[in-house]
Every structure is written in C-alpha cells, then in structure tokens.
Amino acid sequence: MHRLAAPAALVLLAACEPMPPTPQPPGLFPPTDLPFFGNGYRIDGDYCRRLGEDAYTNQFLDDAADLVGCPEGAENLGVFVLDTGAQEVARRDGYVLYSVPLR
C-alpha cells in the first residue's frame, strides 16, 4: 500500500502546480503606467482588463460603469463594444479606454 502512496502524492502535487501564463502576441501590449488589474475583463486571458484609479483615469471612473482598457491592436474590439455596450472615452499609450455600463 505504501508503494502506491508516493506516486499518488506526486500526481496530486503535479495537479496543484499553477498553469503557465497564456502566451501573448508580441507587441500587442505596449508599455504603460495605466493601473490595470485582474486577468481579463470578460474571461481570464481576455485582452481587455479593468482599470483602477490614478491621476489620469479618475476623470473617467463612474459608479455605474467599469473602466476597461484594451490594446488598440486587439482583434474583435467591435465585438467587445457590441457585447458589453462599451463607449470609448479615451486613448492612451496604445490602449483604448472604454466605459462599460454595469448590468
């Protein structure tokens, strides 16, 4: 019985290792000081992500909407706008900033 315990423990430990990060297309995410947080707006790995508050973004924050930034070169930005009801509020450092109404 003890001979089976060690391999079983290794299998369980291997299952607990974090997934490697999703590779991102080169050049899609330009460097910026925008205060992004989270893994993705709609799902993990989404190119669009929520933005927090700083001296620049505070002018776009609203209690009834999320502030979301997407790389200008991301595919399907039109689909993002249609799916979420987003309205473009600014562009900065290669990112489009959207106000997305809460549902």
PDB file of N, CA and C in Angstrom:
ATOM      1  N   MET A   1       0.823  -1.194   0.000  1.00  0.00           N
ATOM      2  CA  MET A   1       0.000   0.000   0.000  1.00  0.00           C
ATOM      3  C   MET A   1       0.864   1.253   0.000  1.00  0.00           C
ATOM      4  N   HIS A   2       1.984   1.249   0.748  1.00  0.00           N
ATOM      5  CA  HIS A   2       2.856   2.423   0.817  1.00  0.00           C
ATOM      6  C   HIS A   2       3.540   2.706  -0.511  1.00  0.00           C
ATOM      7  N   ARG A   3       3.740   1.665  -1.330  1.00  0.00           N
ATOM      8  CA  ARG A   3       4.378   1.861  -2.630  1.00  0.00           C
ATOM      9  C   ARG A   3       3.493   2.698  -3.551  1.00  0.00           C
ATOM     10  N   LEU A   4       2.210   2.630  -3.386  1.00  0.00           N
ATOM     11  CA  LEU A   4       1.286   3.393  -4.215  1.00  0.00           C
ATOM     12  C   LEU A   4       1.106   4.822  -3.704  1.00  0.00           C
ATOM     13  N   ALA A   5       1.367   5.048  -2.439  1.00  0.00           N
ATOM     14  CA  ALA A   5       1.142   6.367  -1.854  1.00  0.00           C
ATOM     15  C   ALA A   5       2.074   7.424  -2.441  1.00  0.00           C
ATOM     16  N   ALA A   6       3.346   7.087  -2.650  1.00  0.00           N
ATOM     17  CA  ALA A   6       4.305   8.070  -3.171  1.00  0.00           C
ATOM     18  C   ALA A   6       3.947   8.519  -4.586  1.00  0.00           C
ATOM     19  N   PRO A   7       3.690   7.601  -5.536  1.00  0.00           N
ATOM     20  CA  PRO A   7       3.309   8.067  -6.880  1.00  0.00           C
ATOM     21  C   PRO A   7       1.994   8.841  -6.878  1.00  0.00           C
ATOM     22  N   ALA A   8       1.074   8.426  -6.051  1.00  0.00           N
ATOM     23  CA  ALA A   8      -0.207   9.142  -5.982  1.00  0.00           C
ATOM     24  C   ALA A   8       0.007  10.559  -5.463  1.00  0.00           C
ATOM     25  N   ALA A   9       0.889  10.722  -4.493  1.00  0.00           N
ATOM     26  CA  ALA A   9       1.182  12.056  -3.964  1.00  0.00           C
ATOM     27  C   ALA A   9       1.823  12.931  -5.032  1.00  0.00           C
ATOM     28  N   LEU A  10       2.708  12.362  -5.841  1.00  0.00           N
ATOM     29  CA  LEU A  10       3.335  13.132  -6.929  1.00  0.00           C
ATOM     30  C   LEU A  10       2.308  13.597  -7.949  1.00  0.00           C
ATOM     31  N   VAL A  11       1.373  12.741  -8.269  1.00  0.00           N
ATOM     32  CA  VAL A  11       0.317  13.112  -9.214  1.00  0.00           C
ATOM     33  C   VAL A  11      -0.509  14.265  -8.645  1.00  0.00           C
ATOM     34  N   LEU A  12      -0.852  14.180  -7.372  1.00  0.00           N
ATOM     35  CA  LEU A  12      -1.634  15.247  -6.745  1.00  0.00           C
ATOM     36  C   LEU A  12      -0.848  16.557  -6.693  1.00  0.00           C
ATOM     37  N   LEU A  13       0.439  16.490  -6.384  1.00  0.00           N
ATOM     38  CA  LEU A  13       1.255  17.700  -6.355  1.00  0.00           C
ATOM     39  C   LEU A  13       1.390  18.312  -7.737  1.00  0.00           C
ATOM     40  N   ALA A  14       1.541  17.487  -8.745  1.00  0.00           N
ATOM     41  CA  ALA A  14       1.655  17.998 -10.118  1.00  0.00           C
ATOM     42  C   ALA A  14       0.372  18.700 -10.533  1.00  0.00           C
ATOM     43  N   ALA A  15      -0.757  18.192 -10.075  1.00  0.00           N
ATOM     44  CA  ALA A  15      -2.037  18.806 -10.411  1.00  0.00           C
ATOM     45  C   ALA A  15      -2.211  20.161  -9.745  1.00  0.00           C
ATOM     46  N   CYS A  16      -1.474  20.427  -8.676  1.00  0.00           N
ATOM     47  CA  CYS A  16      -1.607  21.683  -7.943  1.00  0.00           C
ATOM     48  C   CYS A  16      -0.714  22.794  -8.500  1.00  0.00           C
ATOM     49  N   GLU A  17       0.194  22.457  -9.404  1.00  0.00           N
ATOM     50  CA  GLU A  17       1.072  23.483  -9.944  1.00  0.00           C
ATOM     51  C   GLU A  17       0.263  24.471 -10.772  1.00  0.00           C
ATOM     52  N   PRO A  18       0.616  25.757 -10.704  1.00  0.00           N
ATOM     53  CA  PRO A  18      -0.138  26.750 -11.486  1.00  0.00           C
ATOM     54  C   PRO A  18       0.062  26.541 -12.978  1.00  0.00           C
ATOM     55  N   MET A  19      -0.940  26.922 -13.732  1.00  0.00           N
ATOM     56  CA  MET A  19      -0.861  26.828 -15.185  1.00  0.00           C
ATOM     57  C   MET A  19       0.134  27.869 -15.684  1.00  0.00           C
ATOM     58  N   PRO A  20       0.883  27.551 -16.729  1.00  0.00           N
ATOM     59  CA  PRO A  20       1.784  28.556 -17.280  1.00  0.00           C
ATOM     60  C   PRO A  20       0.966  29.701 -17.873  1.00  0.00           C
ATOM     61  N   PRO A  21       1.517  30.915 -17.876  1.00  0.00           N
ATOM     62  CA  PRO A  21       0.762  32.042 -18.416  1.00  0.00           C
ATOM     63  C   PRO A  21       0.454  31.843 -19.891  1.00  0.00           C
ATOM     64  N   THR A  22      -0.691  32.371 -20.313  1.00  0.00           N
ATOM     65  CA  THR A  22      -1.072  32.299 -21.714  1.00  0.00           C
ATOM     66  C   THR A  22      -0.142  33.181 -22.520  1.00  0.00           C
ATOM     67  N   PRO A  23       0.478  32.634 -23.574  1.00  0.00           N
ATOM     68  CA  PRO A  23       1.378  33.478 -24.360  1.00  0.00           C
ATOM     69  C   PRO A  23       0.600  34.607 -25.017  1.00  0.00           C
ATOM     70  N   GLN A  24       1.170  35.784 -24.991  1.00  0.00           N
ATOM     71  CA  GLN A  24       0.535  36.957 -25.572  1.00  0.00           C
ATOM     72  C   GLN A  24       1.214  37.282 -26.897  1.00  0.00           C
ATOM     73  N   PRO A  25       0.456  37.746 -27.883  1.00  0.00           N
ATOM     74  CA  PRO A  25       1.075  38.123 -29.147  1.00  0.00           C
ATOM     75  C   PRO A  25       2.110  39.222 -28.923  1.00  0.00           C
ATOM     76  N   PRO A  26       3.282  39.106 -29.554  1.00  0.00           N
ATOM     77  CA  PRO A  26       4.316  40.125 -29.345  1.00  0.00           C
ATOM     78  C   PRO A  26       3.852  41.484 -29.828  1.00  0.00           C
ATOM     79  N   GLY A  27       4.155  42.501 -29.035  1.00  0.00           N
ATOM     80  CA  GLY A  27       3.831  43.869 -29.407  1.00  0.00           C
ATOM     81  C   GLY A  27       2.390  44.273 -29.177  1.00  0.00           C
ATOM     82  N   LEU A  28       1.535  43.359 -28.739  1.00  0.00           N
ATOM     83  CA  LEU A  28       0.128  43.709 -28.546  1.00  0.00           C
ATOM     84  C   LEU A  28      -0.061  44.576 -27.311  1.00  0.00           C
ATOM     85  N   PHE A  29       0.750  44.371 -26.283  1.00  0.00           N
ATOM     86  CA  PHE A  29       0.599  45.103 -25.040  1.00  0.00           C
ATOM     87  C   PHE A  29       1.727  46.120 -24.885  1.00  0.00           C
ATOM     88  N   PRO A  30       1.525  47.343 -25.372  1.00  0.00           N
ATOM     89  CA  PRO A  30       2.585  48.340 -25.230  1.00  0.00           C
ATOM     90  C   PRO A  30       2.804  48.700 -23.764  1.00  0.00           C
ATOM     91  N   PRO A  31       4.012  49.117 -23.428  1.00  0.00           N
ATOM     92  CA  PRO A  31       4.272  49.519 -22.039  1.00  0.00           C
ATOM     93  C   PRO A  31       3.429  50.725 -21.659  1.00  0.00           C
ATOM     94  N   THR A  32       2.963  50.733 -20.437  1.00  0.00           N
ATOM     95  CA  THR A  32       2.120  51.826 -19.965  1.00  0.00           C
ATOM     96  C   THR A  32       2.168  51.893 -18.451  1.00  0.00           C
ATOM     97  N   ASP A  33       1.746  53.027 -17.926  1.00  0.00           N
ATOM     98  CA  ASP A  33       1.613  53.153 -16.476  1.00  0.00           C
ATOM     99  C   ASP A  33       0.139  53.165 -16.066  1.00  0.00           C
ATOM    100  N   LEU A  34      -0.754  52.803 -17.008  1.00  0.00           N
ATOM    101  CA  LEU A  34      -2.172  52.710 -16.665  1.00  0.00           C
ATOM    102  C   LEU A  34      -2.350  51.644 -15.579  1.00  0.00           C
ATOM    103  N   PRO A  35      -3.221  51.893 -14.597  1.00  0.00           N
ATOM    104  CA  PRO A  35      -3.368  50.971 -13.457  1.00  0.00           C
ATOM    105  C   PRO A  35      -4.292  49.775 -13.738  1.00  0.00           C
ATOM    106  N   PHE A  36      -3.833  48.868 -14.606  1.00  0.00           N
ATOM    107  CA  PHE A  36      -4.605  47.669 -14.911  1.00  0.00           C
ATOM    108  C   PHE A  36      -4.630  46.733 -13.714  1.00  0.00           C
ATOM    109  N   PHE A  37      -5.717  45.970 -13.589  1.00  0.00           N
ATOM    110  CA  PHE A  37      -5.762  44.900 -12.592  1.00  0.00           C
ATOM    111  C   PHE A  37      -6.664  43.788 -13.092  1.00  0.00           C
ATOM    112  N   GLY A  38      -6.480  42.609 -12.539  1.00  0.00           N
ATOM    113  CA  GLY A  38      -7.261  41.442 -12.943  1.00  0.00           C
ATOM    114  C   GLY A  38      -6.643  40.741 -14.135  1.00  0.00           C
ATOM    115  N   ASN A  39      -7.217  39.594 -14.492  1.00  0.00           N
ATOM    116  CA  ASN A  39      -6.680  38.765 -15.570  1.00  0.00           C
ATOM    117  C   ASN A  39      -7.328  39.022 -16.910  1.00  0.00           C
ATOM    118  N   GLY A  40      -8.525  39.461 -16.933  1.00  0.00           N
ATOM    119  CA  GLY A  40      -9.257  39.713 -18.165  1.00  0.00           C
ATOM    120  C   GLY A  40     -10.628  40.236 -17.810  1.00  0.00           C
ATOM    121  N   TYR A  41     -11.199  41.065 -18.661  1.00  0.00           N
ATOM    122  CA  TYR A  41     -12.478  41.670 -18.290  1.00  0.00           C
ATOM    123  C   TYR A  41     -13.626  40.673 -18.385  1.00  0.00           C
ATOM    124  N   ARG A  42     -13.772  40.024 -19.515  1.00  0.00           N
ATOM    125  CA  ARG A  42     -14.894  39.094 -19.675  1.00  0.00           C
ATOM    126  C   ARG A  42     -14.545  37.698 -19.193  1.00  0.00           C
ATOM    127  N   ILE A  43     -13.335  37.249 -19.499  1.00  0.00           N
ATOM    128  CA  ILE A  43     -12.850  35.938 -19.075  1.00  0.00           C
ATOM    129  C   ILE A  43     -11.356  36.047 -18.829  1.00  0.00           C
ATOM    130  N   ASP A  44     -10.781  35.090 -18.104  1.00  0.00           N
ATOM    131  CA  ASP A  44      -9.323  35.069 -17.936  1.00  0.00           C
ATOM    132  C   ASP A  44      -8.673  35.006 -19.309  1.00  0.00           C
ATOM    133  N   GLY A  45      -7.626  35.790 -19.498  1.00  0.00           N
ATOM    134  CA  GLY A  45      -6.924  35.813 -20.770  1.00  0.00           C
ATOM    135  C   GLY A  45      -7.488  36.809 -21.767  1.00  0.00           C
ATOM    136  N   ASP A  46      -8.602  37.458 -21.431  1.00  0.00           N
ATOM    137  CA  ASP A  46      -9.164  38.490 -22.299  1.00  0.00           C
ATOM    138  C   ASP A  46      -8.136  39.618 -22.436  1.00  0.00           C
ATOM    139  N   TYR A  47      -7.987  40.166 -23.633  1.00  0.00           N
ATOM    140  CA  TYR A  47      -7.050  41.267 -23.841  1.00  0.00           C
ATOM    141  C   TYR A  47      -7.494  42.528 -23.102  1.00  0.00           C
ATOM    142  N   CYS A  48      -8.767  42.690 -22.905  1.00  0.00           N
ATOM    143  CA  CYS A  48      -9.299  43.868 -22.219  1.00  0.00           C
ATOM    144  C   CYS A  48      -9.309  43.602 -20.713  1.00  0.00           C
ATOM    145  N   ARG A  49      -8.884  44.611 -19.954  1.00  0.00           N
ATOM    146  CA  ARG A  49      -8.806  44.460 -18.493  1.00  0.00           C
ATOM    147  C   ARG A  49      -9.314  45.721 -17.818  1.00  0.00           C
ATOM    148  N   ARG A  50      -9.768  45.554 -16.590  1.00  0.00           N
ATOM    149  CA  ARG A  50     -10.267  46.694 -15.810  1.00  0.00           C
ATOM    150  C   ARG A  50      -9.118  47.607 -15.417  1.00  0.00           C
ATOM    151  N   LEU A  51      -9.471  48.858 -15.230  1.00  0.00           N
ATOM    152  CA  LEU A  51      -8.510  49.869 -14.799  1.00  0.00           C
ATOM    153  C   LEU A  51      -8.938  50.406 -13.446  1.00  0.00           C
ATOM    154  N   GLY A  52      -7.941  50.663 -12.616  1.00  0.00           N
ATOM    155  CA  GLY A  52      -8.175  51.282 -11.324  1.00  0.00           C
ATOM    156  C   GLY A  52      -8.031  52.789 -11.423  1.00  0.00           C
ATOM    157  N   GLU A  53      -7.976  53.419 -10.277  1.00  0.00           N
ATOM    158  CA  GLU A  53      -7.937  54.883 -10.222  1.00  0.00           C
ATOM    159  C   GLU A  53      -6.504  55.386 -10.084  1.00  0.00           C
ATOM    160  N   ASP A  54      -6.198  56.402 -10.863  1.00  0.00           N
ATOM    161  CA  ASP A  54      -4.977  57.176 -10.696  1.00  0.00           C
ATOM    162  C   ASP A  54      -5.286  58.600 -11.163  1.00  0.00           C
ATOM    163  N   ALA A  55      -4.282  59.441 -11.227  1.00  0.00           N
ATOM    164  CA  ALA A  55      -4.499  60.844 -11.562  1.00  0.00           C
ATOM    165  C   ALA A  55      -5.103  61.017 -12.964  1.00  0.00           C
ATOM    166  N   TYR A  56      -4.835  60.087 -13.867  1.00  0.00           N
ATOM    167  CA  TYR A  56      -5.385  60.188 -15.226  1.00  0.00           C
ATOM    168  C   TYR A  56      -6.766  59.541 -15.331  1.00  0.00           C
ATOM    169  N   THR A  57      -6.924  58.331 -14.815  1.00  0.00           N
ATOM    170  CA  THR A  57      -8.167  57.585 -15.032  1.00  0.00           C
ATOM    171  C   THR A  57      -9.336  58.081 -14.188  1.00  0.00           C
ATOM    172  N   ASN A  58      -9.073  58.828 -13.127  1.00  0.00           N
ATOM    173  CA  ASN A  58     -10.177  59.238 -12.243  1.00  0.00           C
ATOM    174  C   ASN A  58     -11.226  60.075 -12.972  1.00  0.00           C
ATOM    175  N   GLN A  59     -10.841  60.737 -14.050  1.00  0.00           N
ATOM    176  CA  GLN A  59     -11.809  61.540 -14.801  1.00  0.00           C
ATOM    177  C   GLN A  59     -12.812  60.684 -15.582  1.00  0.00           C
ATOM    178  N   PHE A  60     -12.528  59.399 -15.737  1.00  0.00           N
ATOM    179  CA  PHE A  60     -13.398  58.505 -16.499  1.00  0.00           C
ATOM    180  C   PHE A  60     -14.155  57.513 -15.626  1.00  0.00           C
ATOM    181  N   LEU A  61     -13.846  57.451 -14.348  1.00  0.00           N
ATOM    182  CA  LEU A  61     -14.490  56.479 -13.457  1.00  0.00           C
ATOM    183  C   LEU A  61     -15.915  56.899 -13.148  1.00  0.00           C
ATOM    184  N   ASP A  62     -16.768  55.888 -13.012  1.00  0.00           N
ATOM    185  CA  ASP A  62     -18.192  56.122 -12.795  1.00  0.00           C
ATOM    186  C   ASP A  62     -18.726  54.970 -11.942  1.00  0.00           C
ATOM    187  N   ASP A  63     -19.593  55.273 -10.979  1.00  0.00           N
ATOM    188  CA  ASP A  63     -20.166  54.225 -10.132  1.00  0.00           C
ATOM    189  C   ASP A  63     -21.047  53.246 -10.905  1.00  0.00           C
ATOM    190  N   ALA A  64     -21.566  53.684 -12.052  1.00  0.00           N
ATOM    191  CA  ALA A  64     -22.471  52.840 -12.829  1.00  0.00           C
ATOM    192  C   ALA A  64     -21.778  52.129 -13.984  1.00  0.00           C
ATOM    193  N   ALA A  65     -20.430  52.195 -14.034  1.00  0.00           N
ATOM    194  CA  ALA A  65     -19.715  51.584 -15.152  1.00  0.00           C
ATOM    195  C   ALA A  65     -18.320  51.149 -14.715  1.00  0.00           C
ATOM    196  N   ASP A  66     -17.781  50.173 -15.439  1.00  0.00           N
ATOM    197  CA  ASP A  66     -16.391  49.773 -15.271  1.00  0.00           C
ATOM    198  C   ASP A  66     -15.556  50.539 -16.284  1.00  0.00           C
ATOM    199  N   LEU A  67     -14.352  50.891 -15.897  1.00  0.00           N
ATOM    200  CA  LEU A  67     -13.396  51.467 -16.836  1.00  0.00           C
ATOM    201  C   LEU A  67     -12.504  50.330 -17.302  1.00  0.00           C
ATOM    202  N   VAL A  68     -12.457  50.121 -18.606  1.00  0.00           N
ATOM    203  CA  VAL A  68     -11.762  48.978 -19.195  1.00  0.00           C
ATOM    204  C   VAL A  68     -10.816  49.483 -20.266  1.00  0.00           C
ATOM    205  N   GLY A  69      -9.620  48.911 -20.297  1.00  0.00           N
ATOM    206  CA  GLY A  69      -8.645  49.246 -21.328  1.00  0.00           C
ATOM    207  C   GLY A  69      -8.353  48.041 -22.193  1.00  0.00           C
ATOM    208  N   CYS A  70      -8.285  48.281 -23.508  1.00  0.00           N
ATOM    209  CA  CYS A  70      -7.977  47.233 -24.472  1.00  0.00           C
ATOM    210  C   CYS A  70      -6.844  47.722 -25.369  1.00  0.00           C
ATOM    211  N   PRO A  71      -5.907  46.852 -25.739  1.00  0.00           N
ATOM    212  CA  PRO A  71      -4.868  47.270 -26.674  1.00  0.00           C
ATOM    213  C   PRO A  71      -5.506  47.670 -28.005  1.00  0.00           C
ATOM    214  N   GLU A  72      -5.005  48.750 -28.599  1.00  0.00           N
ATOM    215  CA  GLU A  72      -5.562  49.214 -29.875  1.00  0.00           C
ATOM    216  C   GLU A  72      -5.504  48.137 -30.949  1.00  0.00           C
ATOM    217  N   GLY A  73      -4.495  47.262 -30.904  1.00  0.00           N
ATOM    218  CA  GLY A  73      -4.325  46.233 -31.923  1.00  0.00           C
ATOM    219  C   GLY A  73      -5.060  44.942 -31.652  1.00  0.00           C
ATOM    220  N   ALA A  74      -5.845  44.884 -30.600  1.00  0.00           N
ATOM    221  CA  ALA A  74      -6.557  43.644 -30.270  1.00  0.00           C
ATOM    222  C   ALA A  74      -7.633  43.355 -31.314  1.00  0.00           C
ATOM    223  N   GLU A  75      -7.776  42.076 -31.632  1.00  0.00           N
ATOM    224  CA  GLU A  75      -8.830  41.671 -32.556  1.00  0.00           C
ATOM    225  C   GLU A  75     -10.186  41.795 -31.871  1.00  0.00           C
ATOM    226  N   ASN A  76     -11.196  41.988 -32.659  1.00  0.00           N
ATOM    227  CA  ASN A  76     -12.588  41.947 -32.210  1.00  0.00           C
ATOM    228  C   ASN A  76     -12.967  43.049 -31.223  1.00  0.00           C
ATOM    229  N   LEU A  77     -12.362  44.226 -31.322  1.00  0.00           N
ATOM    230  CA  LEU A  77     -12.795  45.317 -30.444  1.00  0.00           C
ATOM    231  C   LEU A  77     -14.242  45.693 -30.728  1.00  0.00           C
ATOM    232  N   GLY A  78     -14.657  45.581 -31.983  1.00  0.00           N
ATOM    233  CA  GLY A  78     -16.051  45.863 -32.329  1.00  0.00           C
ATOM    234  C   GLY A  78     -17.002  44.907 -31.635  1.00  0.00           C
ATOM    235  N   VAL A  79     -16.610  43.638 -31.539  1.00  0.00           N
ATOM    236  CA  VAL A  79     -17.424  42.639 -30.844  1.00  0.00           C
ATOM    237  C   VAL A  79     -17.490  42.977 -29.362  1.00  0.00           C
ATOM    238  N   PHE A  80     -16.341  43.395 -28.786  1.00  0.00           N
ATOM    239  CA  PHE A  80     -16.319  43.792 -27.379  1.00  0.00           C
ATOM    240  C   PHE A  80     -17.321  44.913 -27.129  1.00  0.00           C
ATOM    241  N   VAL A  81     -17.323  45.921 -28.002  1.00  0.00           N
ATOM    242  CA  VAL A  81     -18.239  47.063 -27.848  1.00  0.00           C
ATOM    243  C   VAL A  81     -19.686  46.600 -27.940  1.00  0.00           C
ATOM    244  N   LEU A  82     -19.989  45.764 -28.926  1.00  0.00           N
ATOM    245  CA  LEU A  82     -21.367  45.272 -29.082  1.00  0.00           C
ATOM    246  C   LEU A  82     -21.801  44.402 -27.914  1.00  0.00           C
ATOM    247  N   ASP A  83     -20.919  43.523 -27.452  1.00  0.00           N
ATOM    248  CA  ASP A  83     -21.263  42.604 -26.360  1.00  0.00           C
ATOM    249  C   ASP A  83     -21.469  43.314 -25.029  1.00  0.00           C
ATOM    250  N   THR A  84     -20.705  44.374 -24.792  1.00  0.00           N
ATOM    251  CA  THR A  84     -20.710  44.995 -23.464  1.00  0.00           C
ATOM    252  C   THR A  84     -21.426  46.341 -23.404  1.00  0.00           C
ATOM    253  N   GLY A  85     -21.706  46.939 -24.553  1.00  0.00           N
ATOM    254  CA  GLY A  85     -22.289  48.286 -24.551  1.00  0.00           C
ATOM    255  C   GLY A  85     -21.260  49.359 -24.226  1.00  0.00           C
ATOM    256  N   ALA A  86     -19.984  49.039 -24.435  1.00  0.00           N
ATOM    257  CA  ALA A  86     -18.891  49.950 -24.089  1.00  0.00           C
ATOM    258  C   ALA A  86     -18.916  51.212 -24.942  1.00  0.00           C
ATOM    259  N   GLN A  87     -18.475  52.311 -24.326  1.00  0.00           N
ATOM    260  CA  GLN A  87     -18.303  53.579 -25.034  1.00  0.00           C
ATOM    261  C   GLN A  87     -16.864  54.031 -24.857  1.00  0.00           C
ATOM    262  N   GLU A  88     -16.213  54.330 -25.959  1.00  0.00           N
ATOM    263  CA  GLU A  88     -14.835  54.799 -25.893  1.00  0.00           C
ATOM    264  C   GLU A  88     -14.790  56.167 -25.214  1.00  0.00           C
ATOM    265  N   VAL A  89     -13.872  56.294 -24.243  1.00  0.00           N
ATOM    266  CA  VAL A  89     -13.728  57.571 -23.532  1.00  0.00           C
ATOM    267  C   VAL A  89     -12.352  58.203 -23.727  1.00  0.00           C
ATOM    268  N   ALA A  90     -11.348  57.398 -24.119  1.00  0.00           N
ATOM    269  CA  ALA A  90     -10.009  57.957 -24.294  1.00  0.00           C
ATOM    270  C   ALA A  90      -9.111  56.932 -24.974  1.00  0.00           C
ATOM    271  N   ARG A  91      -7.950  57.421 -25.394  1.00  0.00           N
ATOM    272  CA  ARG A  91      -6.867  56.562 -25.901  1.00  0.00           C
ATOM    273  C   ARG A  91      -5.581  57.050 -25.260  1.00  0.00           C
ATOM    274  N   ARG A  92      -4.762  56.079 -24.835  1.00  0.00           N
ATOM    275  CA  ARG A  92      -3.502  56.447 -24.200  1.00  0.00           C
ATOM    276  C   ARG A  92      -2.515  55.283 -24.300  1.00  0.00           C
ATOM    277  N   ASP A  93      -1.288  55.599 -24.664  1.00  0.00           N
ATOM    278  CA  ASP A  93      -0.188  54.629 -24.685  1.00  0.00           C
ATOM    279  C   ASP A  93      -0.506  53.375 -25.497  1.00  0.00           C
ATOM    280  N   GLY A  94      -1.307  53.489 -26.545  1.00  0.00           N
ATOM    281  CA  GLY A  94      -1.632  52.321 -27.358  1.00  0.00           C
ATOM    282  C   GLY A  94      -2.830  51.537 -26.863  1.00  0.00           C
ATOM    283  N   TYR A  95      -3.573  52.090 -25.914  1.00  0.00           N
ATOM    284  CA  TYR A  95      -4.762  51.433 -25.364  1.00  0.00           C
ATOM    285  C   TYR A  95      -6.001  52.288 -25.620  1.00  0.00           C
ATOM    286  N   VAL A  96      -7.122  51.625 -25.852  1.00  0.00           N
ATOM    287  CA  VAL A  96      -8.421  52.285 -25.959  1.00  0.00           C
ATOM    288  C   VAL A  96      -9.098  52.091 -24.603  1.00  0.00           C
ATOM    289  N   LEU A  97      -9.561  53.179 -24.001  1.00  0.00           N
ATOM    290  CA  LEU A  97     -10.254  53.113 -22.713  1.00  0.00           C
ATOM    291  C   LEU A  97     -11.747  53.221 -22.955  1.00  0.00           C
ATOM    292  N   TYR A  98     -12.478  52.296 -22.349  1.00  0.00           N
ATOM    293  CA  TYR A  98     -13.926  52.226 -22.521  1.00  0.00           C
ATOM    294  C   TYR A  98     -14.618  52.336 -21.161  1.00  0.00           C
ATOM    295  N   SER A  99     -15.782  52.972 -21.188  1.00  0.00           N
ATOM    296  CA  SER A  99     -16.690  52.944 -20.052  1.00  0.00           C
ATOM    297  C   SER A  99     -17.728  51.877 -20.374  1.00  0.00           C
ATOM    298  N   VAL A 100     -17.799  50.854 -19.527  1.00  0.00           N
ATOM    299  CA  VAL A 100     -18.694  49.715 -19.762  1.00  0.00           C
ATOM    300  C   VAL A 100     -19.776  49.730 -18.687  1.00  0.00           C
ATOM    301  N   PRO A 101     -21.040  49.973 -19.092  1.00  0.00           N
ATOM    302  CA  PRO A 101     -22.114  50.013 -18.103  1.00  0.00           C
ATOM    303  C   PRO A 101     -22.253  48.703 -17.342  1.00  0.00           C
ATOM    304  N   LEU A 102     -22.488  48.817 -16.038  1.00  0.00           N
ATOM    305  CA  LEU A 102     -22.743  47.621 -15.220  1.00  0.00           C
ATOM    306  C   LEU A 102     -24.114  47.096 -15.556  1.00  0.00           C
ATOM    307  N   ARG A 103     -24.232  45.780 -15.557  1.00  0.00           N
ATOM    308  CA  ARG A 103     -25.540  45.168 -15.897  1.00  0.00           C
ATOM    309  C   ARG A 103     -26.165  44.573 -14.695  1.00  0.00           C
TER     310      ARG A 103
END
